Protein backbone atom coordinates (compact mmCIF):
# COMPACT_ATOMS: atom_id res chain seq x y z
CA MET A 1 -52.47 -16.61 4.76
CA PRO A 2 -49.95 -17.32 2.16
CA ASN A 3 -48.31 -20.74 1.69
CA GLU A 4 -44.81 -21.65 0.43
CA THR A 5 -45.99 -21.54 -2.75
CA ASN A 6 -47.70 -18.11 -2.36
CA ILE A 7 -44.66 -16.81 -0.73
CA ASN A 8 -42.29 -17.66 -3.70
CA GLU A 9 -44.89 -15.89 -6.01
CA LEU A 10 -44.84 -13.02 -3.73
CA LEU A 11 -41.02 -12.71 -4.38
CA ASP A 12 -41.54 -13.05 -7.92
CA LEU A 13 -44.12 -10.21 -7.60
CA LEU A 14 -41.72 -8.04 -5.84
CA SER A 15 -38.83 -8.94 -8.38
CA ILE A 16 -36.43 -9.96 -5.30
CA SER A 17 -34.51 -13.13 -5.18
CA GLY A 18 -35.03 -15.66 -2.60
CA ASP A 19 -31.28 -16.93 -2.68
CA THR A 20 -30.20 -13.28 -1.76
CA LEU A 21 -32.12 -13.57 1.71
CA ARG A 22 -31.65 -15.28 4.50
CA TYR A 23 -33.59 -15.90 8.13
CA ASN A 24 -33.42 -13.38 11.21
CA SER A 25 -35.08 -14.24 14.48
CA GLU A 26 -34.31 -10.71 15.72
CA ILE A 27 -36.87 -9.21 13.78
CA GLU A 28 -39.54 -11.46 14.66
CA GLU A 29 -38.71 -10.84 18.25
CA ASN A 30 -38.90 -7.13 17.66
CA ILE A 31 -42.19 -7.06 16.25
CA THR A 32 -43.45 -9.35 18.82
CA GLN A 33 -42.31 -7.61 21.72
CA ASN A 34 -43.86 -4.62 20.37
CA GLY A 35 -47.58 -5.85 19.70
CA GLY A 36 -47.15 -7.12 16.38
CA THR A 37 -48.48 -10.50 15.09
CA ILE A 38 -46.37 -12.98 12.93
CA LEU A 39 -48.66 -14.21 10.25
CA TYR A 40 -46.22 -15.98 8.27
CA SER A 41 -42.43 -17.06 8.52
CA TYR A 42 -40.49 -18.79 5.86
CA ASN A 43 -37.20 -19.07 5.74
CA ASN A 44 -36.33 -15.41 5.50
CA ILE A 45 -39.66 -14.00 4.96
CA ILE A 46 -41.79 -12.63 7.85
CA VAL A 47 -45.18 -11.46 7.14
CA ALA A 48 -46.88 -9.51 10.18
CA SER A 49 -49.86 -7.63 11.26
CA GLU A 50 -50.31 -4.93 13.37
CA ILE A 51 -46.90 -3.58 13.78
CA SER A 52 -47.00 -0.87 16.29
CA ASP A 53 -45.76 2.60 15.48
CA GLU A 54 -43.01 2.37 17.81
CA SER A 55 -42.15 -0.90 16.29
CA TYR A 56 -42.17 0.28 12.72
CA SER A 57 -40.14 3.57 13.81
CA ASP A 58 -37.62 1.55 15.38
CA LEU A 59 -37.09 -0.65 12.55
CA MET A 60 -37.25 2.15 10.04
CA LYS A 61 -34.39 4.09 11.89
CA ASN A 62 -32.24 0.88 12.19
CA ASN A 63 -28.82 1.30 10.37
CA ASN A 64 -29.02 -2.31 9.26
CA ILE A 65 -32.22 -1.71 7.12
CA ASP A 66 -31.53 -1.03 3.50
CA PHE A 67 -34.79 0.74 2.58
CA LEU A 68 -36.14 0.09 -0.77
CA GLN A 69 -37.26 3.75 -1.92
CA ASP A 70 -40.94 4.67 -3.65
CA LEU A 71 -42.36 0.64 -3.02
CA PRO A 72 -45.77 0.67 -3.98
CA LEU A 73 -48.17 -1.25 -1.61
CA LYS A 74 -48.74 -4.74 -3.53
CA LYS A 75 -52.02 -6.30 -3.42
CA TYR A 76 -51.34 -10.19 -3.56
CA GLY A 77 -54.52 -12.15 -3.33
CA ASN A 78 -56.90 -10.80 -0.78
CA ILE A 79 -54.23 -9.77 1.11
CA ASP A 80 -52.53 -6.01 1.01
CA ILE A 81 -48.76 -6.35 1.38
CA ASN A 82 -46.86 -3.61 2.41
CA LEU A 83 -43.11 -4.00 2.10
CA ILE A 84 -41.02 -2.39 5.14
CA GLY A 85 -37.82 -3.23 3.89
CA GLN A 86 -34.77 -5.66 3.88
CA PHE A 87 -33.24 -5.68 7.52
CA ASN A 88 -30.45 -7.88 7.43
CA GLY A 89 -31.03 -9.97 4.56
CA THR A 90 -34.66 -10.42 5.74
CA LEU A 91 -37.64 -9.31 3.64
CA VAL A 92 -40.11 -7.71 6.14
CA VAL A 93 -43.67 -7.04 5.08
CA ASP A 94 -46.84 -6.05 6.65
CA ASP A 95 -49.90 -7.85 6.04
CA ASN A 96 -52.65 -5.37 6.23
CA ILE A 97 -55.95 -7.34 6.88
CA SER A 98 -58.36 -4.17 7.25
CA GLY A 99 -57.73 -3.47 3.69
CA SER A 100 -55.73 -0.67 2.13
CA THR A 101 -55.69 0.53 -1.24
CA SER A 102 -53.50 -1.40 -3.63
CA GLU A 103 -51.18 1.78 -4.03
CA SER A 104 -48.58 2.80 -1.74
CA PRO A 105 -49.02 6.03 0.40
CA VAL A 106 -47.99 9.24 -1.21
CA GLY A 107 -44.89 10.46 0.36
CA VAL A 108 -41.52 11.29 -0.08
CA SER A 109 -38.33 10.08 2.37
CA PRO A 110 -36.47 12.66 4.18
CA THR A 111 -33.47 14.62 2.65
CA ILE A 112 -31.23 16.45 4.96
CA ILE A 113 -30.79 19.85 3.42
CA ASN A 114 -28.24 21.97 5.82
CA ASP A 115 -26.12 24.24 4.36
CA PHE A 116 -22.78 23.06 6.43
CA TYR A 117 -21.84 20.12 8.15
CA THR A 118 -19.00 21.80 10.32
CA LEU A 119 -19.56 23.49 13.85
CA SER A 120 -16.77 25.29 16.04
CA ALA A 121 -17.31 26.17 19.77
CA LEU A 122 -15.37 27.23 22.62
CA THR A 123 -15.05 25.16 25.65
CA ASN A 124 -17.71 25.72 28.23
CA GLU A 125 -19.85 27.70 25.59
CA LYS A 126 -23.01 26.43 24.39
CA PHE A 127 -23.34 25.40 21.01
CA ASN A 128 -26.25 24.18 19.04
CA TYR A 129 -26.95 22.92 15.39
CA ASN A 130 -30.08 23.02 13.73
CA ILE A 131 -30.86 19.64 11.48
CA LEU A 132 -33.00 20.70 8.57
CA ALA A 133 -34.74 17.97 6.37
CA SER A 134 -37.28 18.07 3.50
CA GLY A 135 -39.70 15.14 3.08
CA SER A 136 -42.87 13.93 4.19
CA LEU A 137 -44.34 14.60 7.98
CA PRO A 138 -43.75 13.48 10.25
CA ILE A 139 -39.98 13.54 10.57
CA THR A 140 -38.02 12.04 13.33
CA TYR A 141 -34.35 13.17 14.33
CA GLU A 142 -31.43 11.44 16.24
CA PHE A 143 -27.99 11.48 16.45
CA ILE A 144 -25.19 9.08 17.84
CA ASP A 145 -22.77 10.43 20.62
CA PRO A 146 -19.35 11.24 19.40
CA SER A 147 -16.60 8.92 21.17
CA ASN A 148 -14.15 10.29 23.89
CA TYR A 149 -16.50 13.57 24.05
CA LEU A 150 -16.60 15.45 27.32
CA GLY A 151 -19.63 17.21 28.24
CA ASP A 152 -23.49 17.54 27.90
CA ILE A 153 -25.03 17.04 24.33
CA SER A 154 -28.55 16.45 23.56
CA LEU A 155 -31.22 16.58 21.05
CA ASP A 156 -33.75 19.79 21.82
CA ASP A 157 -36.80 20.99 20.37
CA VAL A 158 -37.14 18.08 18.12
CA ASN A 159 -34.15 18.82 15.65
CA VAL A 160 -31.82 20.92 17.29
CA ILE A 161 -28.61 19.29 18.65
CA ASN A 162 -27.39 21.56 21.88
CA GLY A 163 -24.20 20.65 24.06
CA VAL A 164 -21.32 22.12 25.89
CA SER A 165 -18.06 20.68 26.29
CA SER A 166 -15.15 21.01 28.61
CA ASP A 167 -13.02 19.16 26.34
CA VAL A 168 -10.76 20.32 23.22
CA GLY A 169 -10.84 18.39 20.30
CA ILE A 170 -12.61 17.33 17.07
CA PHE A 171 -15.80 15.20 17.00
CA GLY A 172 -17.91 13.52 14.60
CA ILE A 173 -21.64 13.43 15.42
CA THR A 174 -23.85 11.13 12.81
CA PHE A 175 -27.35 11.94 12.63
CA ASN A 176 -30.32 10.77 11.07
CA ALA A 177 -33.53 12.46 9.65
CA TYR A 178 -36.42 9.61 8.84
CA ASN A 179 -39.94 9.02 8.32
CA LYS A 180 -42.06 5.77 7.35
CA PHE A 181 -40.68 6.14 3.61
CA GLY A 182 -37.07 6.22 4.50
CA VAL A 183 -33.91 7.59 6.18
CA ASP A 184 -31.28 10.25 5.27
CA THR A 185 -27.99 10.29 7.27
CA LYS A 186 -24.97 12.94 7.54
CA LYS A 187 -22.10 13.29 10.09
CA LEU A 188 -21.20 16.78 11.44
CA ILE A 189 -17.84 17.54 12.29
CA LEU A 190 -17.67 19.70 15.68
CA THR A 191 -14.38 21.49 16.58
CA ILE A 192 -14.04 22.49 20.05
CA VAL A 193 -11.46 24.71 20.66
CA GLU A 194 -10.00 26.86 23.68
CA ASP A 195 -10.81 30.46 24.34
CA VAL A 196 -8.06 32.92 23.69
CA LYS A 197 -6.89 34.40 26.72
CA ILE A 198 -4.01 36.53 28.08
CA VAL A 199 -2.31 34.82 30.80
CA ASN A 200 0.82 36.86 32.09
CA GLU A 201 1.57 36.45 35.51
CA THR A 202 1.86 40.23 36.10
CA TYR A 203 0.63 43.09 34.04
CA ASN A 204 2.54 46.43 36.14
CA VAL A 205 6.31 46.06 35.33
CA HIS A 206 9.00 48.65 35.54
CA ASN A 207 12.22 49.75 33.23
CA LYS A 208 15.03 51.58 33.95
CA LEU A 209 15.37 54.92 31.66
CA GLY A 210 17.66 53.93 28.88
CA THR A 211 17.66 50.27 29.40
CA TYR A 212 16.32 47.60 26.68
CA PHE A 213 12.67 46.67 27.54
CA SER A 214 10.98 43.56 26.68
CA TYR A 215 7.62 42.30 27.18
CA ILE A 216 5.77 38.97 26.18
CA ILE A 217 2.40 38.67 25.48
CA ASP A 218 1.72 35.28 27.09
CA THR A 219 -1.56 33.39 25.69
CA ILE A 220 -3.34 30.25 25.72
CA GLY A 221 -5.95 29.34 22.41
CA PRO A 222 -5.77 28.12 18.92
CA ALA A 223 -3.44 29.67 16.40
CA PRO A 224 -3.60 31.85 14.38
CA LYS A 225 -3.80 34.74 16.72
CA THR A 226 -2.93 38.65 16.23
CA TYR A 227 -1.59 41.10 18.75
CA SER A 228 -2.37 44.60 19.50
CA VAL A 229 -1.76 47.81 21.61
CA ILE A 230 -3.90 50.61 22.11
CA PRO A 231 -2.75 53.51 22.28
CA ASN A 232 0.46 53.42 19.92
CA LEU A 233 3.59 52.69 21.66
CA PRO A 234 6.14 55.68 22.15
CA SER A 235 9.09 56.29 19.74
CA GLY A 236 11.79 53.58 20.31
CA VAL A 237 9.15 50.91 21.70
CA VAL A 238 7.63 48.52 18.94
CA LEU A 239 5.15 45.59 18.90
CA ASP A 240 6.53 42.69 17.13
CA GLY A 241 4.05 39.65 17.03
CA ASN A 242 3.21 39.02 20.71
CA VAL A 243 6.59 40.88 21.87
CA ILE A 244 6.72 44.49 23.06
CA SER A 245 10.26 45.63 22.99
CA GLY A 246 12.60 48.71 22.71
CA THR A 247 14.19 51.35 24.63
CA PHE A 248 12.21 54.08 26.58
CA THR A 249 13.51 57.86 26.24
CA THR A 250 11.40 59.66 28.46
CA SER A 251 10.53 58.49 32.45
CA GLY A 252 6.70 58.02 33.00
CA THR A 253 3.86 55.69 33.64
CA TYR A 254 2.55 54.36 30.34
CA THR A 255 -0.89 52.81 30.55
CA MET A 256 -1.97 50.59 27.55
CA SER A 257 -4.18 47.75 26.48
CA ILE A 258 -2.75 44.86 25.08
CA GLY A 259 -5.16 42.52 22.96
CA ALA A 260 -4.92 39.09 21.30
CA SER A 261 -7.45 37.63 18.96
CA GLY A 262 -8.23 34.37 17.40
CA MET A 263 -10.51 32.99 14.96
CA THR A 264 -13.43 32.56 17.31
CA SER A 265 -12.78 34.83 20.53
CA SER A 266 -10.26 37.51 21.59
CA ASP A 267 -8.98 38.78 25.13
CA SER A 268 -7.46 42.15 26.40
CA LYS A 269 -5.99 43.32 29.79
CA GLU A 270 -4.54 46.61 30.95
CA LEU A 271 -0.79 46.69 31.08
CA ILE A 272 1.34 49.31 33.02
CA ILE A 273 4.90 50.13 32.10
CA ASN A 274 6.45 52.35 35.02
CA VAL A 275 9.88 53.84 33.27
CA GLY A 276 11.96 55.72 35.58
CA VAL A 277 15.72 56.46 37.06
CA ALA A 278 17.48 54.90 40.30
CA PRO A 279 17.96 56.95 43.10
CA VAL A 280 21.32 58.84 43.89
CA ILE A 281 22.24 59.51 47.69
CA THR A 282 22.57 63.01 48.27
CA SER A 283 23.24 63.53 51.96
CA ASP A 284 26.53 63.93 53.65
CA GLY A 285 28.76 61.32 53.83
CA GLU A 286 30.30 62.18 57.40
CA VAL A 287 28.63 63.58 60.65
CA VAL A 288 30.20 64.61 63.72
CA VAL A 289 28.57 64.80 67.19
CA GLU A 290 29.65 65.16 71.08
CA GLU A 291 29.27 61.96 72.93
CA TYR A 292 26.11 61.87 75.05
CA SER A 293 24.55 64.41 72.56
CA LEU A 294 21.17 64.15 70.50
CA LEU A 295 21.79 63.09 66.96
CA GLU A 296 19.55 63.05 64.01
CA TYR A 297 20.92 62.42 60.60
CA GLY A 298 18.56 62.23 57.71
CA ILE A 299 19.10 60.10 54.39
CA THR A 300 18.25 62.05 51.19
CA SER A 301 18.39 61.35 47.63
CA THR A 302 17.59 62.62 43.98
CA LEU A 303 14.26 61.30 44.23
CA THR A 304 11.44 62.53 46.68
CA SER A 305 9.11 59.46 46.37
CA ASP A 306 9.02 55.77 45.91
CA VAL A 307 12.58 55.43 47.43
CA THR A 308 13.60 53.15 50.13
CA TYR A 309 16.42 53.51 52.55
CA ASN A 310 18.38 51.20 54.32
CA VAL A 311 21.52 51.47 56.38
CA ILE A 312 24.08 48.31 56.53
CA GLY A 313 26.60 47.93 58.95
CA ILE A 314 26.73 48.25 62.81
CA LEU A 315 25.83 51.71 64.21
CA PRO A 316 27.80 53.13 67.60
CA LEU A 317 25.92 52.49 70.76
CA GLY A 318 23.10 54.33 71.40
CA LEU A 319 21.99 55.26 67.92
CA SER A 320 19.69 53.56 65.56
CA PHE A 321 17.74 53.56 62.35
CA ASP A 322 14.02 54.11 62.10
CA GLY A 323 13.59 52.00 59.11
CA ASN A 324 12.35 55.03 56.93
CA ASP A 325 15.16 57.84 56.40
CA THR A 326 16.60 58.61 59.55
CA VAL A 327 19.39 57.69 62.23
CA SER A 328 18.94 58.88 65.43
CA GLY A 329 19.73 58.59 68.95
CA VAL A 330 22.27 59.60 71.82
CA PRO A 331 25.81 57.91 71.17
CA LEU A 332 27.08 56.25 74.37
CA GLU A 333 30.57 55.63 72.82
CA LYS A 334 33.56 57.47 71.57
CA GLY A 335 35.16 56.85 68.09
CA SER A 336 35.03 56.96 64.39
CA PHE A 337 32.47 54.38 63.00
CA ASP A 338 31.66 53.53 59.03
CA VAL A 339 28.18 52.14 57.77
CA THR A 340 26.65 51.94 54.12
CA LEU A 341 23.73 53.90 53.34
CA LYS A 342 21.47 52.22 50.53
CA ALA A 343 18.87 54.08 48.51
CA TYR A 344 16.91 51.66 46.20
CA ASN A 345 13.54 51.55 43.90
CA TYR A 346 12.21 49.43 40.86
CA PHE A 347 14.75 50.75 38.61
CA GLY A 348 18.09 50.44 40.72
CA GLU A 349 20.15 51.62 43.95
CA SER A 350 22.91 53.64 44.93
CA LEU A 351 25.31 53.06 47.90
CA LYS A 352 27.15 55.62 50.10
CA LYS A 353 29.42 55.25 53.17
CA LEU A 354 28.80 57.40 56.09
CA THR A 355 31.18 58.15 58.84
CA ILE A 356 30.07 58.90 62.07
CA VAL A 357 32.47 60.48 64.54
CA ILE A 358 31.89 60.86 67.99
CA TYR A 359 34.10 62.85 70.31
CA GLY A 360 34.04 63.26 74.31
CA ILE A 361 32.85 65.89 76.34
CA GLY A 362 35.35 69.01 76.79
């Protein structure tokens, strides 16, 4: 076992100044808790043997270790000294009593060789990032969870970072590749964005023929976005950005697919535009009937379908409106009575006065 003089000579042999080192009891505790034996501890130098693979790996991947690359296995006296590293200013060496060669094991520290260090993913969609590294095997990989990240993230298949996030944002993921010869560290910039989605409240709209039409395609998701309509819009109507607008010149039902596309996703919906005219009442504005005689009066208009009729006002006693298109019944009072007829659809309405004249018997 080296004494104080030998330790100073060891420092000279390793070309490390003792003044630059300082004692750290944390390393001793780490080694002993993992089955190692402290053979010598002097100021800021720890000579230990039987350092377990687990403890050795913990030391190697610790961010506080300043690794000294390509260090040979120094032979001092009858003891082979393997310099592990400089940990928080403490020199840590492994005293290999079993007797190894006086040359360092042949090996190369890892170098991370990924082609890119940025990754984009959608919310609630699984992403993965394969860490690639050269160097002597075995190589171990690890990463540090990004702060403020919401979702699952783990290291699967040895070197693949997998995750799913429900949170939108940009996150930095620090990851390491290490072996017993050294460590390499890189940072992955992960960008989580929202799906591009069309979120209009209605996709079946109506427009009165000859009047200006406008429909805004509402979306969520990151910009920039482009918009489309398939098939082409009729003459007089155009798509400008996310707005369909113009004046239809022909009645009809126009069915189209509206689309929105972003950098990472797209969405489409079916839009139906109904173009038509309002009804005009064509039935007579006066009806004459004898008291106590059956009356049936049908309301008609310029349209034969998709029209709703109503009667506004008080009908003579004995008459009623069936809620569809007919006023009927047996009038029980004489006189002249005025009500208002109404016909309407999605495109407008029309009104007409109806006079009901009831005369007495004889």
